[in-house]
Every structure is written in structure tokens, then in C-alpha cells.
PDB file of N, CA and C in Angstrom:
ATOM      1  N   UNK A   1      71.977-134.204 -84.118  1.00  0.00           N
ATOM      2  CA  UNK A   1      72.115-135.637 -83.978  1.00  0.00           C
ATOM      3  C   UNK A   1      73.596-135.975 -84.105  1.00  0.00           C
ATOM      4  N   UNK A   2      74.028-136.880 -83.294  1.00  0.00           N
ATOM      5  CA  UNK A   2      75.420-137.317 -83.306  1.00  0.00           C
ATOM      6  C   UNK A   2      75.506-138.708 -83.910  1.00  0.00           C
ATOM      7  N   UNK A   3      76.243-138.836 -85.002  1.00  0.00           N
ATOM      8  CA  UNK A   3      76.443-140.133 -85.635  1.00  0.00           C
ATOM      9  C   UNK A   3      77.818-140.620 -85.203  1.00  0.00           C
ATOM     10  N   UNK A   4      77.835-141.736 -84.467  1.00  0.00           N
ATOM     11  CA  UNK A   4      79.081-142.218 -83.894  1.00  0.00           C
ATOM     12  C   UNK A   4      79.928-143.012 -84.877  1.00  0.00           C
ATOM     13  N   UNK A   5      79.313-143.851 -85.673  1.00  0.00           N
ATOM     14  CA  UNK A   5      80.121-144.662 -86.578  1.00  0.00           C
ATOM     15  C   UNK A   5      79.331-145.052 -87.807  1.00  0.00           C
ATOM     16  N   UNK A   6      80.053-145.426 -88.826  1.00  0.00           N
ATOM     17  CA  UNK A   6      79.469-145.881 -90.089  1.00  0.00           C
ATOM     18  C   UNK A   6      80.140-147.190 -90.437  1.00  0.00           C
ATOM     19  N   UNK A   7      79.359-148.155 -90.855  1.00  0.00           N
ATOM     20  CA  UNK A   7      79.927-149.445 -91.205  1.00  0.00           C
ATOM     21  C   UNK A   7      79.186-150.004 -92.396  1.00  0.00           C
ATOM     22  N   UNK A   8      79.912-150.367 -93.427  1.00  0.00           N
ATOM     23  CA  UNK A   8      79.297-150.984 -94.587  1.00  0.00           C
ATOM     24  C   UNK A   8      79.298-152.486 -94.347  1.00  0.00           C
ATOM     25  N   UNK A   9      78.118-153.043 -94.114  1.00  0.00           N
ATOM     26  CA  UNK A   9      78.025-154.451 -93.770  1.00  0.00           C
ATOM     27  C   UNK A   9      77.904-155.338 -94.995  1.00  0.00           C
ATOM     28  N   UNK A  10      77.326-154.832 -96.060  1.00  0.00           N
ATOM     29  CA  UNK A  10      77.233-155.580 -97.309  1.00  0.00           C
ATOM     30  C   UNK A  10      77.132-154.572 -98.437  1.00  0.00           C
ATOM     31  N   UNK A  11      77.148-155.067 -99.660  1.00  0.00           N
ATOM     32  CA  UNK A  11      77.117-154.143-100.786  1.00  0.00           C
ATOM     33  C   UNK A  11      75.784-153.395-100.887  1.00  0.00           C
ATOM     34  N   UNK A  12      74.734-153.908-100.237  1.00  0.00           N
ATOM     35  CA  UNK A  12      73.425-153.275-100.351  1.00  0.00           C
ATOM     36  C   UNK A  12      72.974-152.540 -99.091  1.00  0.00           C
ATOM     37  N   UNK A  13      73.668-152.698 -97.984  1.00  0.00           N
ATOM     38  CA  UNK A  13      73.189-152.103 -96.739  1.00  0.00           C
ATOM     39  C   UNK A  13      74.285-151.293 -96.063  1.00  0.00           C
ATOM     40  N   UNK A  14      74.057-149.997 -95.948  1.00  0.00           N
ATOM     41  CA  UNK A  14      74.955-149.152 -95.192  1.00  0.00           C
ATOM     42  C   UNK A  14      74.266-148.808 -93.885  1.00  0.00           C
ATOM     43  N   UNK A  15      74.943-149.080 -92.770  1.00  0.00           N
ATOM     44  CA  UNK A  15      74.370-148.814 -91.464  1.00  0.00           C
ATOM     45  C   UNK A  15      75.189-147.762 -90.749  1.00  0.00           C
ATOM     46  N   UNK A  16      74.511-146.914 -90.007  1.00  0.00           N
ATOM     47  CA  UNK A  16      75.208-145.996 -89.132  1.00  0.00           C
ATOM     48  C   UNK A  16      74.642-146.170 -87.734  1.00  0.00           C
ATOM     49  N   UNK A  17      75.480-145.930 -86.749  1.00  0.00           N
ATOM     50  CA  UNK A  17      75.051-146.051 -85.366  1.00  0.00           C
ATOM     51  C   UNK A  17      74.695-144.662 -84.865  1.00  0.00           C
ATOM     52  N   UNK A  18      73.472-144.485 -84.464  1.00  0.00           N
ATOM     53  CA  UNK A  18      72.996-143.207 -83.946  1.00  0.00           C
ATOM     54  C   UNK A  18      72.517-143.442 -82.529  1.00  0.00           C
ATOM     55  N   UNK A  19      73.273-142.898 -81.585  1.00  0.00           N
ATOM     56  CA  UNK A  19      72.927-143.045 -80.168  1.00  0.00           C
ATOM     57  C   UNK A  19      72.632-144.488 -79.794  1.00  0.00           C
ATOM     58  N   UNK A  20      73.481-145.393 -80.271  1.00  0.00           N
ATOM     59  CA  UNK A  20      73.372-146.796 -79.888  1.00  0.00           C
ATOM     60  C   UNK A  20      72.470-147.656 -80.750  1.00  0.00           C
ATOM     61  N   UNK A  21      71.757-147.065 -81.709  1.00  0.00           N
ATOM     62  CA  UNK A  21      70.840-147.829 -82.556  1.00  0.00           C
ATOM     63  C   UNK A  21      71.373-147.860 -83.980  1.00  0.00           C
ATOM     64  N   UNK A  22      71.387-149.040 -84.595  1.00  0.00           N
ATOM     65  CA  UNK A  22      71.816-149.147 -85.984  1.00  0.00           C
ATOM     66  C   UNK A  22      70.633-148.882 -86.901  1.00  0.00           C
ATOM     67  N   UNK A  23      70.861-147.997 -87.864  1.00  0.00           N
ATOM     68  CA  UNK A  23      69.834-147.670 -88.842  1.00  0.00           C
ATOM     69  C   UNK A  23      70.495-147.498 -90.190  1.00  0.00           C
ATOM     70  N   UNK A  24      69.724-147.770 -91.239  1.00  0.00           N
ATOM     71  CA  UNK A  24      70.248-147.508 -92.576  1.00  0.00           C
ATOM     72  C   UNK A  24      70.080-146.026 -92.876  1.00  0.00           C
ATOM     73  N   UNK A  25      70.825-145.552 -93.848  1.00  0.00           N
ATOM     74  CA  UNK A  25      70.668-144.160 -94.258  1.00  0.00           C
ATOM     75  C   UNK A  25      69.249-143.896 -94.737  1.00  0.00           C
ATOM     76  N   UNK A  26      68.675-144.876 -95.426  1.00  0.00           N
ATOM     77  CA  UNK A  26      67.311-144.727 -95.925  1.00  0.00           C
ATOM     78  C   UNK A  26      66.319-144.597 -94.771  1.00  0.00           C
ATOM     79  N   UNK A  27      66.501-145.377 -93.696  1.00  0.00           N
ATOM     80  CA  UNK A  27      65.608-145.287 -92.534  1.00  0.00           C
ATOM     81  C   UNK A  27      65.697-143.906 -91.891  1.00  0.00           C
ATOM     82  N   UNK A  28      66.898-143.389 -91.753  1.00  0.00           N
ATOM     83  CA  UNK A  28      67.062-142.056 -91.168  1.00  0.00           C
ATOM     84  C   UNK A  28      66.411-140.989 -92.034  1.00  0.00           C
ATOM     85  N   UNK A  29      66.585-141.094 -93.346  1.00  0.00           N
ATOM     86  CA  UNK A  29      66.019-140.099 -94.257  1.00  0.00           C
ATOM     87  C   UNK A  29      64.497-140.131 -94.245  1.00  0.00           C
ATOM     88  N   UNK A  30      63.912-141.323 -94.079  1.00  0.00           N
ATOM     89  CA  UNK A  30      62.451-141.433 -94.021  1.00  0.00           C
ATOM     90  C   UNK A  30      61.905-140.874 -92.715  1.00  0.00           C
ATOM     91  N   UNK A  31      62.621-141.119 -91.607  1.00  0.00           N
ATOM     92  CA  UNK A  31      62.171-140.622 -90.303  1.00  0.00           C
ATOM     93  C   UNK A  31      62.215-139.102 -90.228  1.00  0.00           C
ATOM     94  N   UNK A  32      63.273-138.533 -90.772  1.00  0.00           N
ATOM     95  CA  UNK A  32      63.452-137.085 -90.746  1.00  0.00           C
ATOM     96  C   UNK A  32      63.887-136.637 -92.136  1.00  0.00           C
ATOM     97  N   UNK A  33      62.927-136.311 -93.009  1.00  0.00           N
ATOM     98  CA  UNK A  33      63.226-136.021 -94.415  1.00  0.00           C
ATOM     99  C   UNK A  33      64.271-134.927 -94.647  1.00  0.00           C
ATOM    100  N   UNK A  34      64.332-133.923 -93.798  1.00  0.00           N
ATOM    101  CA  UNK A  34      65.280-132.825 -93.995  1.00  0.00           C
ATOM    102  C   UNK A  34      66.535-132.966 -93.157  1.00  0.00           C
ATOM    103  N   UNK A  35      66.737-134.139 -92.595  1.00  0.00           N
ATOM    104  CA  UNK A  35      67.861-134.366 -91.691  1.00  0.00           C
ATOM    105  C   UNK A  35      69.210-134.088 -92.353  1.00  0.00           C
ATOM    106  N   UNK A  36      69.379-134.520 -93.581  1.00  0.00           N
ATOM    107  CA  UNK A  36      70.667-134.393 -94.248  1.00  0.00           C
ATOM    108  C   UNK A  36      70.818-133.111 -95.052  1.00  0.00           C
ATOM    109  N   UNK A  37      69.739-132.359 -95.210  1.00  0.00           N
ATOM    110  CA  UNK A  37      69.773-131.138 -96.003  1.00  0.00           C
ATOM    111  C   UNK A  37      70.732-130.129 -95.388  1.00  0.00           C
ATOM    112  N   UNK A  38      71.715-129.682 -96.172  1.00  0.00           N
ATOM    113  CA  UNK A  38      72.742-128.725 -95.736  1.00  0.00           C
ATOM    114  C   UNK A  38      73.552-129.217 -94.545  1.00  0.00           C
ATOM    115  N   UNK A  39      73.669-130.529 -94.403  1.00  0.00           N
ATOM    116  CA  UNK A  39      74.460-131.117 -93.328  1.00  0.00           C
ATOM    117  C   UNK A  39      75.763-131.658 -93.915  1.00  0.00           C
ATOM    118  N   UNK A  40      76.869-131.339 -93.275  1.00  0.00           N
ATOM    119  CA  UNK A  40      78.154-131.888 -93.707  1.00  0.00           C
ATOM    120  C   UNK A  40      78.253-133.323 -93.191  1.00  0.00           C
ATOM    121  N   UNK A  41      78.520-134.242 -94.102  1.00  0.00           N
ATOM    122  CA  UNK A  41      78.620-135.656 -93.744  1.00  0.00           C
ATOM    123  C   UNK A  41      80.005-136.160 -94.136  1.00  0.00           C
ATOM    124  N   UNK A  42      80.746-136.642 -93.138  1.00  0.00           N
ATOM    125  CA  UNK A  42      82.068-137.196 -93.385  1.00  0.00           C
ATOM    126  C   UNK A  42      81.922-138.688 -93.663  1.00  0.00           C
ATOM    127  N   UNK A  43      82.411-139.120 -94.833  1.00  0.00           N
ATOM    128  CA  UNK A  43      82.319-140.521 -95.232  1.00  0.00           C
ATOM    129  C   UNK A  43      83.731-141.053 -95.415  1.00  0.00           C
ATOM    130  N   UNK A  44      84.059-142.095 -94.663  1.00  0.00           N
ATOM    131  CA  UNK A  44      85.358-142.758 -94.811  1.00  0.00           C
ATOM    132  C   UNK A  44      85.205-143.785 -95.923  1.00  0.00           C
ATOM    133  N   UNK A  45      85.964-143.605 -96.986  1.00  0.00           N
ATOM    134  CA  UNK A  45      85.876-144.490 -98.140  1.00  0.00           C
ATOM    135  C   UNK A  45      87.215-145.199 -98.355  1.00  0.00           C
ATOM    136  N   UNK A  46      87.147-146.374 -98.940  1.00  0.00           N
ATOM    137  CA  UNK A  46      88.353-147.129 -99.245  1.00  0.00           C
ATOM    138  C   UNK A  46      88.707-146.912-100.708  1.00  0.00           C
ATOM    139  N   UNK A  47      89.439-145.861-100.976  1.00  0.00           N
ATOM    140  CA  UNK A  47      89.874-145.554-102.331  1.00  0.00           C
ATOM    141  C   UNK A  47      91.322-145.973-102.547  1.00  0.00           C
ATOM    142  N   UNK A  48      91.808-146.892-101.749  1.00  0.00           N
ATOM    143  CA  UNK A  48      93.161-147.403-101.904  1.00  0.00           C
ATOM    144  C   UNK A  48      93.152-148.366-103.098  1.00  0.00           C
ATOM    145  N   UNK A  49      93.133-147.798-104.288  1.00  0.00           N
ATOM    146  CA  UNK A  49      92.957-148.557-105.532  1.00  0.00           C
ATOM    147  C   UNK A  49      94.311-148.944-106.133  1.00  0.00           C
ATOM    148  N   UNK A  50      94.337-150.033-106.895  1.00  0.00           N
ATOM    149  CA  UNK A  50      95.590-150.420-107.538  1.00  0.00           C
ATOM    150  C   UNK A  50      95.969-149.438-108.642  1.00  0.00           C
ATOM    151  N   UNK A  51      97.243-149.108-108.667  1.00  0.00           N
ATOM    152  CA  UNK A  51      97.755-148.158-109.652  1.00  0.00           C
ATOM    153  C   UNK A  51      98.697-148.861-110.616  1.00  0.00           C
ATOM    154  N   UNK A  52      98.835-148.287-111.786  1.00  0.00           N
ATOM    155  CA  UNK A  52      99.713-148.839-112.811  1.00  0.00           C
ATOM    156  C   UNK A  52     101.164-148.781-112.347  1.00  0.00           C
ATOM    157  N   UNK A  53     101.917-149.826-112.649  1.00  0.00           N
ATOM    158  CA  UNK A  53     103.342-149.839-112.298  1.00  0.00           C
ATOM    159  C   UNK A  53     104.135-148.874-113.164  1.00  0.00           C
ATOM    160  N   UNK A  54     103.662-148.624-114.389  1.00  0.00           N
ATOM    161  CA  UNK A  54     104.356-147.709-115.297  1.00  0.00           C
ATOM    162  C   UNK A  54     104.086-146.254-114.953  1.00  0.00           C
ATOM    163  N   UNK A  55     102.829-145.954-114.582  1.00  0.00           N
ATOM    164  CA  UNK A  55     102.433-144.574-114.292  1.00  0.00           C
ATOM    165  C   UNK A  55     101.531-144.584-113.065  1.00  0.00           C
ATOM    166  N   UNK A  56     102.043-144.110-111.951  1.00  0.00           N
ATOM    167  CA  UNK A  56     101.322-144.160-110.679  1.00  0.00           C
ATOM    168  C   UNK A  56     100.065-143.286-110.660  1.00  0.00           C
ATOM    169  N   UNK A  57      99.860-142.484-111.701  1.00  0.00           N
ATOM    170  CA  UNK A  57      98.653-141.660-111.746  1.00  0.00           C
ATOM    171  C   UNK A  57      97.500-142.368-112.463  1.00  0.00           C
ATOM    172  N   UNK A  58      97.736-143.588-112.954  1.00  0.00           N
ATOM    173  CA  UNK A  58      96.723-144.344-113.684  1.00  0.00           C
ATOM    174  C   UNK A  58      96.137-145.429-112.786  1.00  0.00           C
ATOM    175  N   UNK A  59      94.824-145.392-112.581  1.00  0.00           N
ATOM    176  CA  UNK A  59      94.119-146.386-111.780  1.00  0.00           C
ATOM    177  C   UNK A  59      93.815-147.583-112.668  1.00  0.00           C
ATOM    178  N   UNK A  60      94.206-148.776-112.215  1.00  0.00           N
ATOM    179  CA  UNK A  60      93.997-149.970-113.036  1.00  0.00           C
ATOM    180  C   UNK A  60      92.684-150.687-112.723  1.00  0.00           C
ATOM    181  N   UNK A  61      92.105-150.439-111.554  1.00  0.00           N
ATOM    182  CA  UNK A  61      90.822-151.053-111.194  1.00  0.00           C
ATOM    183  C   UNK A  61      90.041-150.062-110.330  1.00  0.00           C
ATOM    184  N   UNK A  62      88.936-149.550-110.850  1.00  0.00           N
ATOM    185  CA  UNK A  62      88.163-148.525-110.142  1.00  0.00           C
ATOM    186  C   UNK A  62      86.956-149.093-109.389  1.00  0.00           C
ATOM    187  N   UNK A  63      86.951-150.381-109.118  1.00  0.00           N
ATOM    188  CA  UNK A  63      85.807-151.030-108.464  1.00  0.00           C
ATOM    189  C   UNK A  63      85.470-150.369-107.127  1.00  0.00           C
ATOM    190  N   UNK A  64      86.451-150.075-106.309  1.00  0.00           N
ATOM    191  CA  UNK A  64      86.190-149.484-104.990  1.00  0.00           C
ATOM    192  C   UNK A  64      85.542-148.105-105.116  1.00  0.00           C
ATOM    193  N   UNK A  65      85.948-147.371-106.114  1.00  0.00           N
ATOM    194  CA  UNK A  65      85.356-146.048-106.337  1.00  0.00           C
ATOM    195  C   UNK A  65      83.901-146.199-106.780  1.00  0.00           C
ATOM    196  N   UNK A  66      83.645-147.111-107.730  1.00  0.00           N
ATOM    197  CA  UNK A  66      82.278-147.339-108.204  1.00  0.00           C
ATOM    198  C   UNK A  66      81.372-147.857-107.097  1.00  0.00           C
ATOM    199  N   UNK A  67      81.896-148.677-106.178  1.00  0.00           N
ATOM    200  CA  UNK A  67      81.101-149.212-105.069  1.00  0.00           C
ATOM    201  C   UNK A  67      80.698-148.126-104.074  1.00  0.00           C
ATOM    202  N   UNK A  68      81.465-147.065-103.979  1.00  0.00           N
ATOM    203  CA  UNK A  68      81.144-145.973-103.057  1.00  0.00           C
ATOM    204  C   UNK A  68      80.107-145.010-103.632  1.00  0.00           C
ATOM    205  N   UNK A  69      79.906-145.028-104.938  1.00  0.00           N
ATOM    206  CA  UNK A  69      79.009-144.072-105.586  1.00  0.00           C
ATOM    207  C   UNK A  69      77.564-144.098-105.092  1.00  0.00           C
ATOM    208  N   UNK A  70      76.937-145.267-104.837  1.00  0.00           N
ATOM    209  CA  UNK A  70      75.553-145.225-104.344  1.00  0.00           C
ATOM    210  C   UNK A  70      75.405-144.441-103.040  1.00  0.00           C
ATOM    211  N   UNK A  71      76.330-144.602-102.125  1.00  0.00           N
ATOM    212  CA  UNK A  71      76.276-143.863-100.863  1.00  0.00           C
ATOM    213  C   UNK A  71      76.485-142.376-101.099  1.00  0.00           C
ATOM    214  N   UNK A  72      77.472-142.039-101.910  1.00  0.00           N
ATOM    215  CA  UNK A  72      77.763-140.633-102.203  1.00  0.00           C
ATOM    216  C   UNK A  72      76.574-139.978-102.905  1.00  0.00           C
ATOM    217  N   UNK A  73      76.004-140.661-103.891  1.00  0.00           N
ATOM    218  CA  UNK A  73      74.847-140.117-104.613  1.00  0.00           C
ATOM    219  C   UNK A  73      73.638-139.970-103.707  1.00  0.00           C
ATOM    220  N   UNK A  74      73.390-140.952-102.839  1.00  0.00           N
ATOM    221  CA  UNK A  74      72.260-140.862-101.916  1.00  0.00           C
ATOM    222  C   UNK A  74      72.394-139.618-101.046  1.00  0.00           C
ATOM    223  N   UNK A  75      73.570-139.413-100.488  1.00  0.00           N
ATOM    224  CA  UNK A  75      73.782-138.272 -99.596  1.00  0.00           C
ATOM    225  C   UNK A  75      73.653-136.944-100.332  1.00  0.00           C
ATOM    226  N   UNK A  76      74.235-136.838-101.519  1.00  0.00           N
ATOM    227  CA  UNK A  76      74.132-135.573-102.260  1.00  0.00           C
ATOM    228  C   UNK A  76      72.699-135.305-102.714  1.00  0.00           C
ATOM    229  N   UNK A  77      71.985-136.352-103.118  1.00  0.00           N
ATOM    230  CA  UNK A  77      70.580-136.176-103.502  1.00  0.00           C
ATOM    231  C   UNK A  77      69.711-135.772-102.318  1.00  0.00           C
ATOM    232  N   UNK A  78      70.123-136.152-101.113  1.00  0.00           N
ATOM    233  CA  UNK A  78      69.387-135.774 -99.902  1.00  0.00           C
ATOM    234  C   UNK A  78      69.774-134.376 -99.432  1.00  0.00           C
ATOM    235  N   UNK A  79      70.680-133.724-100.157  1.00  0.00           N
ATOM    236  CA  UNK A  79      71.063-132.349 -99.823  1.00  0.00           C
ATOM    237  C   UNK A  79      72.274-132.228 -98.924  1.00  0.00           C
ATOM    238  N   UNK A  80      72.949-133.324 -98.652  1.00  0.00           N
ATOM    239  CA  UNK A  80      74.110-133.287 -97.769  1.00  0.00           C
ATOM    240  C   UNK A  80      75.330-132.730 -98.499  1.00  0.00           C
ATOM    241  N   UNK A  81      76.220-132.159 -97.728  1.00  0.00           N
ATOM    242  CA  UNK A  81      77.521-131.727 -98.227  1.00  0.00           C
ATOM    243  C   UNK A  81      78.484-132.847 -97.860  1.00  0.00           C
ATOM    244  N   UNK A  82      78.891-133.601 -98.848  1.00  0.00           N
ATOM    245  CA  UNK A  82      79.668-134.817 -98.605  1.00  0.00           C
ATOM    246  C   UNK A  82      81.159-134.513 -98.567  1.00  0.00           C
ATOM    247  N   UNK A  83      81.809-134.988 -97.517  1.00  0.00           N
ATOM    248  CA  UNK A  83      83.260-134.880 -97.359  1.00  0.00           C
ATOM    249  C   UNK A  83      83.794-136.304 -97.372  1.00  0.00           C
ATOM    250  N   UNK A  84      84.664-136.606 -98.323  1.00  0.00           N
ATOM    251  CA  UNK A  84      85.221-137.950 -98.441  1.00  0.00           C
ATOM    252  C   UNK A  84      86.605-137.994 -97.807  1.00  0.00           C
ATOM    253  N   UNK A  85      86.841-139.013 -96.997  1.00  0.00           N
ATOM    254  CA  UNK A  85      88.147-139.203 -96.371  1.00  0.00           C
ATOM    255  C   UNK A  85      88.685-140.560 -96.802  1.00  0.00           C
ATOM    256  N   UNK A  86      89.917-140.566 -97.295  1.00  0.00           N
ATOM    257  CA  UNK A  86      90.552-141.802 -97.740  1.00  0.00           C
ATOM    258  C   UNK A  86      92.053-141.630 -97.604  1.00  0.00           C
ATOM    259  N   UNK A  87      92.774-142.632 -98.010  1.00  0.00           N
ATOM    260  CA  UNK A  87      94.222-142.553 -98.074  1.00  0.00           C
ATOM    261  C   UNK A  87      94.687-143.424 -99.232  1.00  0.00           C
ATOM    262  N   UNK A  88      95.906-143.218 -99.614  1.00  0.00           N
ATOM    263  CA  UNK A  88      96.490-144.061-100.656  1.00  0.00           C
ATOM    264  C   UNK A  88      97.725-144.707-100.047  1.00  0.00           C
ATOM    265  N   UNK A  89      97.722-146.023 -99.999  1.00  0.00           N
ATOM    266  CA  UNK A  89      98.836-146.747 -99.390  1.00  0.00           C
ATOM    267  C   UNK A  89     100.118-146.602-100.181  1.00  0.00           C
ATOM    268  N   UNK A  90     101.180-147.068 -99.600  1.00  0.00           N
ATOM    269  CA  UNK A  90     102.477-147.013-100.263  1.00  0.00           C
ATOM    270  C   UNK A  90     102.654-148.234-101.155  1.00  0.00           C
ATOM    271  N   UNK A  91     102.856-148.013-102.455  1.00  0.00           N
ATOM    272  CA  UNK A  91     103.079-149.155-103.351  1.00  0.00           C
ATOM    273  C   UNK A  91     104.329-149.927-102.942  1.00  0.00           C
ATOM    274  N   UNK A  92     104.185-151.205-102.764  1.00  0.00           N
ATOM    275  CA  UNK A  92     105.285-152.079-102.356  1.00  0.00           C
ATOM    276  C   UNK A  92     105.929-151.641-101.046  1.00  0.00           C
ATOM    277  N   UNK A  93     105.200-150.903-100.214  1.00  0.00           N
ATOM    278  CA  UNK A  93     105.718-150.465 -98.922  1.00  0.00           C
ATOM    279  C   UNK A  93     106.771-149.383 -99.001  1.00  0.00           C
ATOM    280  N   UNK A  94     106.912-148.754-100.170  1.00  0.00           N
ATOM    281  CA  UNK A  94     107.940-147.723-100.359  1.00  0.00           C
ATOM    282  C   UNK A  94     107.294-146.374-100.620  1.00  0.00           C
ATOM    283  N   UNK A  95     107.994-145.319-100.221  1.00  0.00           N
ATOM    284  CA  UNK A  95     107.522-143.967-100.486  1.00  0.00           C
ATOM    285  C   UNK A  95     107.706-143.669-101.969  1.00  0.00           C
ATOM    286  N   UNK A  96     106.648-143.178-102.611  1.00  0.00           N
ATOM    287  CA  UNK A  96     106.695-142.795-104.012  1.00  0.00           C
ATOM    288  C   UNK A  96     106.704-141.263-104.065  1.00  0.00           C
ATOM    289  N   UNK A  97     107.823-140.690-104.410  1.00  0.00           N
ATOM    290  CA  UNK A  97     107.971-139.235-104.404  1.00  0.00           C
ATOM    291  C   UNK A  97     106.998-138.526-105.347  1.00  0.00           C
ATOM    292  N   UNK A  98     106.569-139.218-106.418  1.00  0.00           N
ATOM    293  CA  UNK A  98     105.622-138.623-107.363  1.00  0.00           C
ATOM    294  C   UNK A  98     104.249-138.401-106.731  1.00  0.00           C
ATOM    295  N   UNK A  99     103.960-139.116-105.634  1.00  0.00           N
ATOM    296  CA  UNK A  99     102.639-139.039-105.017  1.00  0.00           C
ATOM    297  C   UNK A  99     102.597-138.113-103.807  1.00  0.00           C
ATOM    298  N   UNK A 100     103.664-137.452-103.510  1.00  0.00           N
ATOM    299  CA  UNK A 100     103.681-136.530-102.360  1.00  0.00           C
ATOM    300  C   UNK A 100     102.993-135.252-102.694  1.00  0.00           C
TER     301      UNK A 100
END
């Protein structure tokens, strides 16, 4: 099966487009119970979290990470091998050498 895109439309509904049809992860798992078992799933997450000005390794608000957990847990519980893709923006638009 080819999954073309993933879009989080609200905090409670994650939809993916499969061959032109939007379905929730739960709908796909019910239709084909072993669909995600041993399947690598790439999830684009927004982990661009605010960092401390004093220490760039300290996260000051982990809300975005906590919001991604239900999707990550659902996929791992379904047997998927989850690959997370994210980026960390440049603080104040400048390169931070400590983060390279």
C-alpha cells in the first residue's frame, strides 16, 4: 500500500491519504489488522520546540512532543517501526554552533 500524505487535522484525528481516500489510522488498522506489523512508517513531526536562552540543550515547553505521543504509541502498539522526521529551527535566525 502506498501512503501519499499524512495530515493532522485536529488534536483527535490523524488522517492519511491512501490512493486518494482519506482514512484515519484507526480505520486502516481495523480494515487490515496486520497492515502496520513490521512496517516502517515515516512520521513528520513538529519538534521545533522552544529552547532555553541560557542552555540550548534545555527544552522549555515540550507540548509539541507530548502531542505527537498518541500517534507514535498507536503505531508502535500496532507493530510498526516508527521513523520520526523533524528539524530544529535556528534560534533568532542565527546559526548556533553548539547545535551542529
